[in-house]
Protein backbone atom coordinates (compact mmCIF):
# COMPACT_ATOMS: atom_id res chain seq x y z
CA MET A 1 -38.36 4.56 -3.64
CA ALA A 2 -36.56 5.48 -0.41
CA ARG A 3 -34.54 2.71 1.15
CA PRO A 4 -36.21 1.59 4.41
CA LYS A 5 -34.34 1.88 7.68
CA LYS A 6 -32.72 -1.29 8.99
CA ASP A 7 -35.23 -1.83 11.81
CA GLN A 8 -38.17 -1.10 9.52
CA ALA A 9 -36.85 -3.53 6.90
CA ALA A 10 -36.38 -6.30 9.46
CA CYS A 11 -39.90 -5.71 10.80
CA ALA A 12 -41.44 -5.84 7.33
CA GLU A 13 -39.59 -9.05 6.51
CA GLU A 14 -40.84 -10.65 9.73
CA ARG A 15 -44.40 -9.56 8.94
CA LEU A 16 -44.21 -11.10 5.47
CA ILE A 17 -42.90 -14.40 6.80
CA ASP A 18 -45.44 -14.46 9.63
CA ALA A 19 -48.20 -13.73 7.11
CA PHE A 20 -47.05 -16.70 5.02
CA TRP A 21 -47.28 -19.07 8.01
CA GLU A 22 -50.70 -17.71 8.96
CA LEU A 23 -52.04 -18.19 5.43
CA LEU A 24 -50.65 -21.72 5.33
CA ARG A 25 -52.90 -22.75 8.21
CA ASP A 26 -56.03 -22.86 6.05
CA ARG A 27 -54.89 -23.14 2.45
CA GLN A 28 -52.60 -25.12 0.17
CA LEU A 29 -49.18 -23.77 -0.66
CA ARG A 30 -50.13 -23.33 -4.32
CA ALA A 31 -52.99 -21.00 -3.28
CA ILE A 32 -50.65 -18.54 -1.57
CA THR A 33 -49.64 -15.63 -3.78
CA VAL A 34 -47.74 -12.38 -3.43
CA ARG A 35 -51.09 -10.58 -3.28
CA THR A 36 -52.43 -12.70 -0.41
CA ILE A 37 -49.19 -12.36 1.53
CA VAL A 38 -48.94 -8.57 1.25
CA GLU A 39 -52.61 -8.16 2.13
CA LYS A 40 -52.16 -10.33 5.21
CA ALA A 41 -48.95 -8.54 6.20
CA GLY A 42 -50.38 -5.09 5.55
CA VAL A 43 -47.58 -4.00 3.23
CA ASN A 44 -47.35 -3.22 -0.47
CA ARG A 45 -45.92 -5.32 -3.30
CA GLY A 46 -42.84 -3.12 -3.49
CA THR A 47 -41.99 -4.05 0.09
CA PHE A 48 -42.36 -7.73 -0.75
CA TYR A 49 -40.01 -7.51 -3.73
CA TYR A 50 -37.53 -5.46 -1.71
CA HIS A 51 -37.05 -8.50 0.52
CA PHE A 52 -37.80 -11.45 -1.75
CA ALA A 53 -37.36 -12.16 -5.44
CA ASP A 54 -40.49 -14.34 -5.54
CA ILE A 55 -42.64 -16.73 -3.53
CA ASP A 56 -39.99 -19.44 -3.70
CA SER A 57 -37.37 -17.24 -2.07
CA LEU A 58 -39.78 -16.35 0.74
CA ILE A 59 -40.56 -20.05 1.31
CA HIS A 60 -36.85 -20.84 1.38
CA CYS A 61 -36.20 -18.10 3.95
CA ALA A 62 -39.19 -19.09 6.10
CA LEU A 63 -38.22 -22.76 6.09
CA GLU A 64 -34.55 -22.07 6.69
CA ARG A 65 -35.44 -20.14 9.85
CA GLU A 66 -37.27 -23.18 11.16
CA LEU A 67 -34.34 -25.49 10.40
CA VAL A 68 -31.01 -23.77 10.94
CA THR A 69 -31.35 -20.69 13.18
CA LYS A 70 -30.92 -20.75 16.97
CA HIS A 71 -33.40 -23.13 18.64
CA SER A 72 -34.48 -24.37 15.20
CA LEU A 73 -34.91 -28.07 14.44
CA ILE A 74 -31.35 -28.65 13.26
CA HIS A 75 -29.91 -26.44 16.01
CA GLU A 76 -31.89 -28.37 18.62
CA MET A 77 -30.65 -31.68 17.24
CA LEU A 78 -27.09 -30.40 17.64
CA LEU A 79 -27.90 -29.34 21.20
CA LEU A 80 -29.14 -32.86 21.86
CA VAL A 81 -25.93 -34.33 20.46
CA SER A 82 -23.86 -32.06 22.71
CA GLY A 83 -25.90 -33.06 25.77
CA SER A 84 -27.44 -29.60 26.24
CA ILE A 85 -31.06 -30.73 26.18
CA ASP A 86 -32.12 -28.33 28.96
CA GLU A 87 -31.27 -25.37 26.74
CA ILE A 88 -34.12 -26.18 24.36
CA PRO A 89 -37.32 -24.18 25.05
CA PRO A 90 -40.27 -26.59 24.56
CA GLU A 91 -42.45 -23.88 23.02
CA GLU A 92 -39.77 -23.18 20.40
CA ALA A 93 -39.41 -26.87 19.55
CA ASN A 94 -43.18 -27.30 19.24
CA ARG A 95 -43.46 -24.29 16.91
CA HIS A 96 -40.67 -25.52 14.65
CA MET A 97 -42.11 -29.04 14.48
CA HIS A 98 -45.60 -27.76 13.72
CA ARG A 99 -44.48 -25.33 11.03
CA THR A 100 -42.25 -27.87 9.32
CA ALA A 101 -45.05 -30.44 9.30
CA LEU A 102 -47.58 -27.84 8.13
CA LEU A 103 -45.43 -26.80 5.19
CA ILE A 104 -45.03 -30.40 4.06
CA GLN A 105 -48.75 -31.10 4.42
CA ARG A 106 -49.78 -28.00 2.50
CA GLY A 107 -47.05 -28.20 -0.14
CA GLY A 108 -47.86 -31.45 -1.84
CA THR A 109 -44.65 -31.39 -3.89
CA GLU A 110 -41.23 -32.95 -3.66
CA ARG A 111 -39.71 -29.48 -3.91
CA VAL A 112 -40.51 -28.71 -0.26
CA ILE A 113 -38.97 -31.93 1.05
CA ASP A 114 -35.97 -31.56 -1.26
CA GLU A 115 -35.31 -28.12 0.20
CA ILE A 116 -35.36 -29.52 3.72
CA MET A 117 -32.96 -32.23 2.59
CA ASP A 118 -30.60 -29.72 0.98
CA ILE A 119 -30.48 -27.59 4.12
CA ALA A 120 -29.82 -30.63 6.33
CA ILE A 121 -27.09 -31.95 4.02
CA ASN A 122 -25.42 -28.53 3.94
CA VAL A 123 -25.42 -28.40 7.74
CA TRP A 124 -23.90 -31.86 8.04
CA GLN A 125 -21.37 -31.11 5.33
CA ALA A 126 -20.22 -28.06 7.29
CA ALA A 127 -19.83 -30.20 10.43
CA LEU A 128 -18.16 -33.16 8.72
CA CYS A 129 -16.16 -31.49 5.96
CA PRO A 130 -14.50 -28.29 7.27
CA ASN A 131 -12.14 -28.12 4.30
CA GLY A 132 -14.95 -28.03 1.76
CA GLU A 133 -14.80 -31.63 0.60
CA ALA A 134 -18.06 -33.35 -0.36
CA LEU A 135 -20.02 -35.88 1.64
CA ASN A 136 -19.63 -39.34 0.19
CA GLU A 137 -22.64 -41.07 -1.38
CA GLN A 138 -23.31 -43.39 1.56
CA THR A 139 -23.29 -40.49 4.03
CA THR A 140 -25.62 -38.46 1.82
CA LEU A 141 -28.03 -41.39 1.50
CA PHE A 142 -28.02 -41.92 5.26
CA VAL A 143 -28.73 -38.24 5.97
CA ARG A 144 -31.61 -38.26 3.47
CA TYR A 145 -33.01 -41.45 4.99
CA ASN A 146 -32.78 -40.06 8.52
CA ILE A 147 -34.32 -36.69 7.65
CA SER A 148 -37.17 -38.40 5.77
CA GLY A 149 -38.04 -40.32 8.92
CA ILE A 150 -37.96 -37.20 11.10
CA VAL A 151 -40.08 -35.22 8.65
CA GLY A 152 -42.59 -38.05 8.45
CA MET A 153 -42.76 -38.23 12.24
CA PHE A 154 -43.43 -34.50 12.58
CA SER A 155 -46.13 -34.71 9.90
CA SER A 156 -47.89 -37.52 11.76
CA PHE A 157 -47.76 -35.49 14.99
CA ALA A 158 -49.44 -32.58 13.23
CA ARG A 159 -52.34 -34.85 12.21
CA ASN A 160 -52.64 -36.44 15.65
CA GLU A 161 -55.08 -34.84 18.09
CA ASN A 162 -53.01 -36.17 21.01
CA PRO A 163 -49.34 -35.92 19.99
CA PRO A 164 -46.62 -37.12 22.40
CA GLU A 165 -45.32 -34.76 25.07
CA PHE A 166 -42.28 -32.69 24.16
CA SER A 167 -40.16 -34.59 26.71
CA THR A 168 -40.94 -37.89 24.98
CA ILE A 169 -40.08 -36.45 21.57
CA ALA A 170 -36.91 -34.85 22.95
CA ASN A 171 -35.71 -38.10 24.49
CA PHE A 172 -36.23 -39.92 21.21
CA GLN A 173 -34.50 -37.12 19.30
CA LYS A 174 -31.52 -37.29 21.65
CA TRP A 175 -31.20 -41.02 21.04
CA ASN A 176 -31.61 -40.51 17.30
CA ALA A 177 -29.16 -37.61 17.14
CA VAL A 178 -26.42 -39.50 18.99
CA ASN A 179 -26.84 -42.59 16.81
CA THR A 180 -26.99 -40.46 13.66
CA VAL A 181 -23.70 -38.74 14.47
CA GLU A 182 -22.00 -42.07 15.15
CA ALA A 183 -23.32 -43.57 11.92
CA ILE A 184 -22.45 -40.71 9.59
CA CYS A 185 -19.02 -40.20 11.16
CA LYS A 186 -18.29 -43.84 10.45
CA LEU A 187 -19.62 -43.58 6.90
CA GLN A 188 -17.66 -40.39 6.23
CA GLY A 189 -14.49 -41.64 7.95
CA VAL A 190 -14.36 -38.76 10.45
CA GLN A 191 -13.63 -39.03 14.17
CA LYS A 192 -16.74 -38.40 16.24
CA GLU A 193 -14.79 -36.36 18.78
CA GLU A 194 -13.72 -33.94 16.05
CA VAL A 195 -17.29 -33.49 14.84
CA LEU A 196 -18.62 -32.98 18.37
CA GLN A 197 -15.94 -30.36 18.97
CA ARG A 198 -16.95 -28.51 15.80
CA ILE A 199 -20.60 -28.71 16.83
CA GLN A 200 -19.85 -27.35 20.30
CA THR A 201 -17.78 -24.52 18.82
CA ALA A 202 -20.64 -23.65 16.45
CA LEU A 203 -23.12 -23.65 19.34
CA ASN A 204 -20.87 -21.41 21.43
CA ILE A 205 -20.58 -18.96 18.56
CA SER A 206 -24.34 -18.94 17.90
CA SER A 207 -25.10 -18.35 21.59
CA GLN A 208 -23.05 -15.16 21.46
CA GLU A 209 -24.84 -13.75 18.37
């Protein structure tokens, strides 16, 4: 099979991921298969397996985009910490919150939440431990506790016919992000100024990509 061109490959990958999110709107995660995804995306199975090893790898990629890419949930939390709240597009934040909540609601397994936890812990480890050392147990527990609360909040918003305005959520997230950084820096024994500098550097780099 001929190797697809770069732009064509990127387009097909986006279509597969978008198809996954569309299917998730009206069915449980366990009911989504390779067949339903490729039919929704309008591609063949070979295209699916060119991009993803299996359903799990697609879910991981789809979720990671909502958590760690530019204007994703984790990225937006870092923006809040750095004081750059005006840089966050409300429509982007709402999409990420809705998709994250939807995936949890439709998944029904600890695997989905565990993946969110793993991504969040990896992000914080990169910010707190630039030399590759591990987070200590107390820091890890705090991050898991904090992320559980955020995930639960987003899930409740998804079920609520009248969720709070984005500005209200953003103000709470700013307060939570600042307090979270202070707490985990203390638990990890790292100076907050150093972590904020690393975060700002990472944001500057990502804005140039």
